[in-house]
Protein backbone atom coordinates (compact mmCIF):
# COMPACT_ATOMS: atom_id res chain seq x y z
CA MET A 1 30.14 20.43 10.89
CA LYS A 2 32.25 22.21 13.14
CA ASP A 3 28.84 23.56 15.68
CA LYS A 4 27.84 20.83 18.21
CA ILE A 5 24.29 20.22 18.10
CA SER A 6 22.73 19.03 21.86
CA ILE A 7 19.56 16.70 21.70
CA ILE A 8 17.38 16.30 24.26
CA ILE A 9 15.56 13.29 24.21
CA PRO A 10 13.64 12.39 27.47
CA VAL A 11 13.11 8.49 28.07
CA TYR A 12 10.05 7.01 29.97
CA ASN A 13 7.98 3.57 29.55
CA VAL A 14 9.03 3.66 26.48
CA GLU A 15 11.02 0.24 25.96
CA SER A 16 9.30 -0.96 22.98
CA TYR A 17 10.02 2.04 20.80
CA ILE A 18 13.49 3.57 22.47
CA ARG A 19 16.01 1.57 19.84
CA LYS A 20 13.84 3.09 16.72
CA CYS A 21 14.74 6.67 18.11
CA LEU A 22 18.18 6.46 18.86
CA GLU A 23 18.96 4.56 16.04
CA SER A 24 17.22 7.57 13.92
CA VAL A 25 19.49 10.02 15.86
CA ILE A 26 22.76 8.22 15.68
CA ASN A 27 22.56 8.05 11.76
CA GLN A 28 22.02 11.82 11.19
CA THR A 29 23.63 12.63 8.02
CA TYR A 30 25.64 15.59 10.09
CA THR A 31 27.52 14.10 12.47
CA ASN A 32 29.02 16.12 15.15
CA LEU A 33 26.25 15.61 17.81
CA GLU A 34 26.00 15.57 21.22
CA ILE A 35 22.35 12.80 22.54
CA ILE A 36 21.96 13.60 26.08
CA LEU A 37 19.29 10.89 27.34
CA ILE A 38 17.87 11.41 31.08
CA ASN A 39 16.25 8.76 31.94
CA ASP A 40 13.07 9.68 33.58
CA GLY A 41 12.46 6.24 36.62
CA SER A 42 12.03 4.72 34.11
CA PRO A 43 10.14 1.70 35.17
CA ASP A 44 11.45 -0.82 32.28
CA ASN A 45 14.23 -1.12 30.24
CA CYS A 46 14.91 1.79 29.06
CA GLY A 47 18.13 3.16 31.02
CA LYS A 48 19.41 -0.33 29.76
CA ILE A 49 19.26 0.10 26.41
CA CYS A 50 20.81 3.97 27.16
CA GLU A 51 23.73 2.81 28.42
CA GLU A 52 23.93 0.00 25.72
CA TYR A 53 23.61 2.61 23.03
CA ALA A 54 26.03 4.84 24.91
CA GLU A 55 28.75 2.38 24.81
CA GLN A 56 28.25 2.11 21.71
CA ASP A 57 28.39 5.71 20.28
CA SER A 58 30.59 8.13 22.02
CA ARG A 59 28.23 10.77 21.54
CA ILE A 60 25.97 9.64 23.89
CA ARG A 61 25.58 11.32 27.65
CA VAL A 62 23.41 9.14 29.65
CA PHE A 63 21.65 10.45 33.05
CA HIS A 64 19.14 8.80 35.38
CA LYS A 65 17.10 10.30 37.62
CA GLU A 66 14.11 9.93 39.76
CA ASN A 67 11.15 10.33 38.45
CA GLY A 68 9.72 13.89 38.06
CA GLY A 69 7.72 14.15 34.66
CA LEU A 70 8.25 15.31 31.64
CA SER A 71 9.09 18.73 32.43
CA SER A 72 11.75 17.63 35.05
CA ALA A 73 13.32 15.36 32.94
CA LEU A 74 13.82 18.80 29.86
CA ASN A 75 15.77 21.10 32.66
CA PHE A 76 18.09 18.46 33.23
CA GLY A 77 18.85 18.21 30.14
CA LEU A 78 18.72 21.92 29.48
CA LYS A 79 21.32 21.80 32.54
CA SER A 80 23.72 19.12 30.70
CA PHE A 81 24.55 20.25 26.96
CA THR A 82 27.22 21.99 26.19
CA GLY A 83 26.41 22.48 21.85
CA SER A 84 25.90 25.42 20.19
CA TYR A 85 22.49 24.58 19.21
CA ILE A 86 19.60 22.43 20.57
CA GLY A 87 17.51 19.95 19.43
CA PHE A 88 14.33 17.65 21.21
CA VAL A 89 13.20 14.35 20.48
CA ASP A 90 10.62 12.58 21.53
CA SER A 91 11.14 9.32 23.31
CA ASP A 92 9.13 7.47 20.74
CA ASP A 93 9.31 9.12 17.51
CA TRP A 94 12.17 9.09 15.50
CA ILE A 95 13.71 11.41 12.52
CA GLU A 96 14.55 11.52 9.19
CA PRO A 97 18.12 10.99 8.68
CA ASN A 98 18.57 14.60 7.42
CA MET A 99 17.19 16.55 9.61
CA TYR A 100 19.12 18.17 11.33
CA GLN A 101 21.40 18.80 8.25
CA GLU A 102 18.70 20.48 7.15
CA LEU A 103 17.65 22.78 10.07
CA TYR A 104 20.94 23.25 10.80
CA ASN A 105 21.84 24.76 7.24
CA ALA A 106 18.31 26.85 7.78
CA ILE A 107 19.57 28.55 10.57
CA ASN A 108 21.73 30.90 9.01
CA GLY A 109 20.30 34.58 10.37
CA VAL A 110 17.65 33.17 12.57
CA ASP A 111 17.24 31.91 15.64
CA ILE A 112 14.96 29.00 15.37
CA ALA A 113 14.41 26.72 12.09
CA VAL A 114 11.01 24.76 12.08
CA CYS A 115 10.45 21.97 9.95
CA SER A 116 7.10 19.96 9.04
CA TYR A 117 5.98 16.47 10.23
CA PHE A 118 5.13 12.97 9.80
CA LYS A 119 1.83 12.19 11.98
CA ASP A 120 3.09 8.09 12.54
CA THR A 121 0.74 5.28 13.53
CA ILE A 122 1.80 1.92 13.97
CA SER A 123 1.31 0.69 9.87
CA SER A 124 0.41 4.35 8.92
CA SER A 125 2.49 7.54 7.86
CA GLU A 126 0.46 11.06 6.89
CA LYS A 127 2.34 14.44 5.96
CA VAL A 128 1.51 17.07 7.51
CA GLU A 129 1.08 19.94 5.24
CA ASN A 130 0.25 23.75 5.81
CA MET A 131 -3.26 25.29 4.36
CA LYS A 132 -1.23 28.25 3.51
CA LYS A 133 2.43 28.15 2.09
CA ILE A 134 5.05 30.16 4.42
CA LYS A 135 7.18 32.37 1.51
CA GLU A 136 8.97 34.16 4.00
CA HIS A 137 12.96 33.87 3.55
CA ILE A 138 13.38 35.00 7.36
CA ILE A 139 9.75 34.72 9.60
CA SER A 140 8.92 37.47 11.31
CA THR A 141 8.66 37.92 14.86
CA GLY A 142 5.21 38.37 14.73
CA ASN A 143 4.42 35.12 12.67
CA MET A 144 6.63 32.84 14.65
CA LEU A 145 4.05 33.88 17.36
CA LEU A 146 1.41 33.48 15.40
CA TYR A 147 2.02 30.09 13.11
CA PRO A 148 1.68 27.76 15.88
CA LEU A 149 -1.66 29.67 16.64
CA MET A 150 -3.20 29.72 13.30
CA ARG A 151 -3.20 26.05 13.14
CA ASP A 152 -5.60 24.63 10.82
CA TYR A 153 -3.42 27.21 8.41
CA TYR A 154 0.19 26.30 9.34
CA MET A 155 -0.06 22.51 11.25
CA GLY A 156 3.22 21.63 9.52
CA PHE A 157 4.87 24.50 11.98
CA CYS A 158 2.84 23.93 15.54
CA GLY A 159 4.44 25.06 19.13
CA TYR A 160 5.75 21.46 19.60
CA ILE A 161 9.73 22.00 20.28
CA TRP A 162 10.57 18.73 18.09
CA ASN A 163 10.09 19.83 15.04
CA LYS A 164 12.56 22.99 15.90
CA LEU A 165 16.49 23.83 15.78
CA TYR A 166 17.28 26.43 18.41
CA TYR A 167 20.69 28.73 18.87
CA ALA A 168 21.30 27.54 22.37
CA SER A 169 22.40 30.86 23.68
CA ILE A 170 18.65 31.92 23.29
CA ILE A 171 17.67 29.92 25.95
CA GLN A 172 21.01 30.44 28.30
CA GLU A 173 20.60 34.18 28.16
CA ILE A 174 17.32 33.96 30.22
CA GLY A 175 17.19 30.98 32.28
CA LEU A 176 14.42 29.32 30.01
CA SER A 177 13.10 25.85 31.82
CA PHE A 178 10.31 24.65 31.28
CA ASP A 179 7.33 24.72 34.11
CA GLU A 180 7.48 21.45 36.49
CA ASN A 181 3.68 22.38 36.82
CA ILE A 182 2.21 22.20 33.65
CA LYS A 183 2.17 17.91 32.36
CA TYR A 184 0.69 18.88 29.23
CA ALA A 185 1.51 21.81 26.57
CA MET A 186 4.58 22.74 28.30
CA ASP A 187 6.05 23.00 24.80
CA VAL A 188 3.79 25.62 23.58
CA LEU A 189 4.53 27.99 26.28
CA PHE A 190 8.53 27.24 26.11
CA TYR A 191 8.16 28.25 23.17
CA GLU A 192 5.87 30.79 23.04
CA THR A 193 8.00 32.83 25.87
CA LEU A 194 10.99 32.14 24.54
CA VAL A 195 9.66 34.08 20.60
CA THR A 196 8.76 37.08 22.57
CA GLN A 197 11.42 37.22 25.15
CA GLN A 198 13.65 37.32 22.68
CA LYS A 199 12.20 38.81 19.78
CA CYS A 200 13.09 35.45 17.53
CA VAL A 201 12.69 35.49 14.17
CA GLY A 202 12.92 31.65 12.33
CA ALA A 203 13.13 30.26 8.87
CA TYR A 204 10.73 27.38 7.97
CA VAL A 205 11.85 24.15 6.05
CA ASP A 206 9.16 22.99 4.19
CA LYS A 207 9.93 19.08 4.15
CA PRO A 208 8.55 16.42 6.39
CA LEU A 209 11.40 15.46 8.47
CA TYR A 210 10.23 14.90 11.45
CA HIS A 211 8.20 11.51 12.81
CA TYR A 212 5.61 12.05 15.78
CA LEU A 213 3.77 8.52 16.52
CA GLN A 214 0.09 8.73 17.89
CA ARG A 215 0.22 5.68 20.23
CA GLU A 216 -2.11 4.49 23.12
CA GLY A 217 -0.40 5.27 26.28
CA ALA A 218 1.00 9.14 25.33
CA ILE A 219 0.27 11.68 27.43
CA THR A 220 -1.63 13.35 24.68
CA LYS A 221 -4.80 10.38 24.86
CA SER A 222 -5.30 10.80 28.60
CA GLU A 223 -8.39 11.65 29.78
CA SER A 224 -7.34 12.68 33.00
CA TYR A 225 -8.26 16.61 34.01
CA ASP A 226 -5.87 17.14 35.81
CA ILE A 227 -3.99 16.99 32.87
CA LYS A 228 -6.59 18.13 30.11
CA THR A 229 -6.95 21.53 31.95
CA ASP A 230 -3.34 22.21 32.07
CA ILE A 231 -3.40 23.29 28.08
CA LEU A 232 -6.22 25.78 29.66
CA LYS A 233 -3.40 26.96 32.07
CA VAL A 234 -1.75 27.32 29.27
CA TYR A 235 -3.35 29.25 26.60
CA LYS A 236 -3.86 32.01 29.30
CA ARG A 237 -0.31 32.40 30.07
CA VAL A 238 0.42 31.94 26.52
CA GLU A 239 -2.17 35.09 25.83
CA GLU A 240 -0.75 37.32 28.81
CA LEU A 241 2.75 36.92 26.74
CA LEU A 242 1.45 38.04 23.52
CA PRO A 243 1.19 41.25 21.71
CA ASP A 244 -2.69 43.23 22.37
CA VAL A 245 -3.42 42.77 18.51
CA TYR A 246 -2.76 39.37 18.89
CA LYS A 247 -4.82 38.07 22.02
CA TYR A 248 -7.47 36.79 20.13
CA TRP A 249 -5.79 33.91 18.90
CA ALA A 250 -4.88 32.31 22.39
CA ARG A 251 -8.29 32.75 23.54
CA GLY A 252 -10.02 31.43 20.87
CA PHE A 253 -7.32 28.13 20.73
CA TYR A 254 -8.46 28.34 24.28
CA CYS A 255 -11.90 28.12 23.65
CA TYR A 256 -11.73 24.85 21.02
CA HIS A 257 -9.41 23.01 24.16
CA ALA A 258 -12.23 23.73 26.21
CA SER A 259 -15.07 22.37 23.84
CA VAL A 260 -12.45 19.24 24.30
CA ILE A 261 -12.65 18.87 27.62
CA CYS A 262 -16.44 19.80 27.20
CA GLU A 263 -16.50 16.24 24.68
CA LEU A 264 -14.58 14.67 27.34
CA ALA A 265 -16.79 15.97 30.35
CA ILE A 266 -19.92 14.08 28.06
CA ARG A 267 -18.64 10.91 28.07
CA LYS A 268 -18.13 10.49 31.53
CA ARG A 269 -21.41 11.54 32.77
CA ASP A 270 -19.95 14.29 34.70
CA LYS A 271 -22.89 17.32 34.59
CA ASP A 272 -20.71 19.89 36.88
CA MET A 273 -17.18 19.96 34.42
CA LEU A 274 -19.67 20.58 31.17
CA GLU A 275 -21.39 22.83 32.07
CA THR A 276 -18.32 24.59 33.37
CA MET A 277 -16.69 24.43 30.11
CA GLN A 278 -19.65 25.66 28.40
CA LYS A 279 -19.50 28.70 30.41
CA GLU A 280 -15.98 29.14 29.33
CA ILE A 281 -16.89 28.22 25.44
CA ARG A 282 -19.43 31.54 26.08
CA GLU A 283 -16.82 33.30 27.12
CA HIS A 284 -14.53 32.79 24.68
CA TYR A 285 -16.84 32.00 21.71
CA ASP A 286 -16.43 35.33 19.88
CA ASP A 287 -12.49 34.66 19.54
CA PHE A 288 -13.34 31.21 18.72
CA LYS A 289 -15.48 32.74 15.56
CA CYS A 290 -12.85 35.44 14.58
CA THR A 291 -10.11 33.12 14.57
CA ASN A 292 -12.05 30.08 12.16
CA ASP A 293 -14.19 32.41 10.18
CA GLU A 294 -13.55 30.44 6.46
CA PHE A 295 -13.81 26.86 8.94
CA PRO A 296 -18.26 27.11 9.16
CA GLU A 297 -18.46 23.47 10.11
CA LYS A 298 -16.46 24.12 13.90
CA PHE A 299 -19.16 26.30 14.79
CA LYS A 300 -21.48 23.70 14.30
CA ARG A 301 -19.79 21.65 16.33
CA ILE A 302 -19.24 24.19 19.20
CA ASP A 303 -23.28 24.97 19.27
CA GLU A 304 -23.94 21.07 19.58
CA LEU A 305 -21.79 21.02 22.29
CA LEU A 306 -23.65 24.73 23.94
CA SER A 307 -26.88 22.90 23.45
CA VAL A 308 -25.97 19.65 25.50
CA TYR A 309 -28.03 20.21 29.22
CA ALA A 310 -27.79 16.83 30.63
CA VAL A 311 -24.99 14.21 30.49
């Protein structure tokens, strides 16, 4: 365990969840950790709780900063770590005791190690499994790019940053950071940029080791257009990153997220946004069809959204 793993945890307004998160991290079977807590101007008692844990565990480093958003907090962590490897944990989630040991064992000879995860609520926990098995001992750069975009087949892989362990040097070499103008899905852009620029290869641990909490108040539950449309910007930029042969996968995902905003516009009775998103769906419909040809029920949903004329 001579290699240090730096775990970056941005903290904001999660007083009810932070202790469970920190307990799961400090009790990892892999013990050579640097635990970086960035209190992003949290208005609750998170800052005090972080300091409390730092007094008990010398591996914890706490930083307090003015609120700047999730990307800002993550970037602060990227400027502060000292380990040979980097992991990320959201402060309302928690991890299995052996997560970083498993990922450390798997990363030998590759750039990024990935594991599956659980989707949790306050009262339940569901294992997320891939529809198609990932059998490669070493995952090629092409598949490292594609698996997060082939989400129905590889739901346990995804483009999240937190179910992965990274060699720190691949991030440092290109000075990669999170786009602070993006509030939602910045992790997808970070991941796809890293894999593209560094031609990363990877390994997959077919075990759910991370607990992703689905809670009210999380940014993923937001019904703000500003937040929801960020993901459209992300997938346009991902499309630009990808080799031509893969670009239609990003466009298909773009179409899906346009349909989510379309549903939001219907709930809000927003005719202008509805028509804008319907236009986006039509422009990307063929790509959506190509990337979802085994899921005909998805076309029914899309066609129903395109048939709505008034709200």
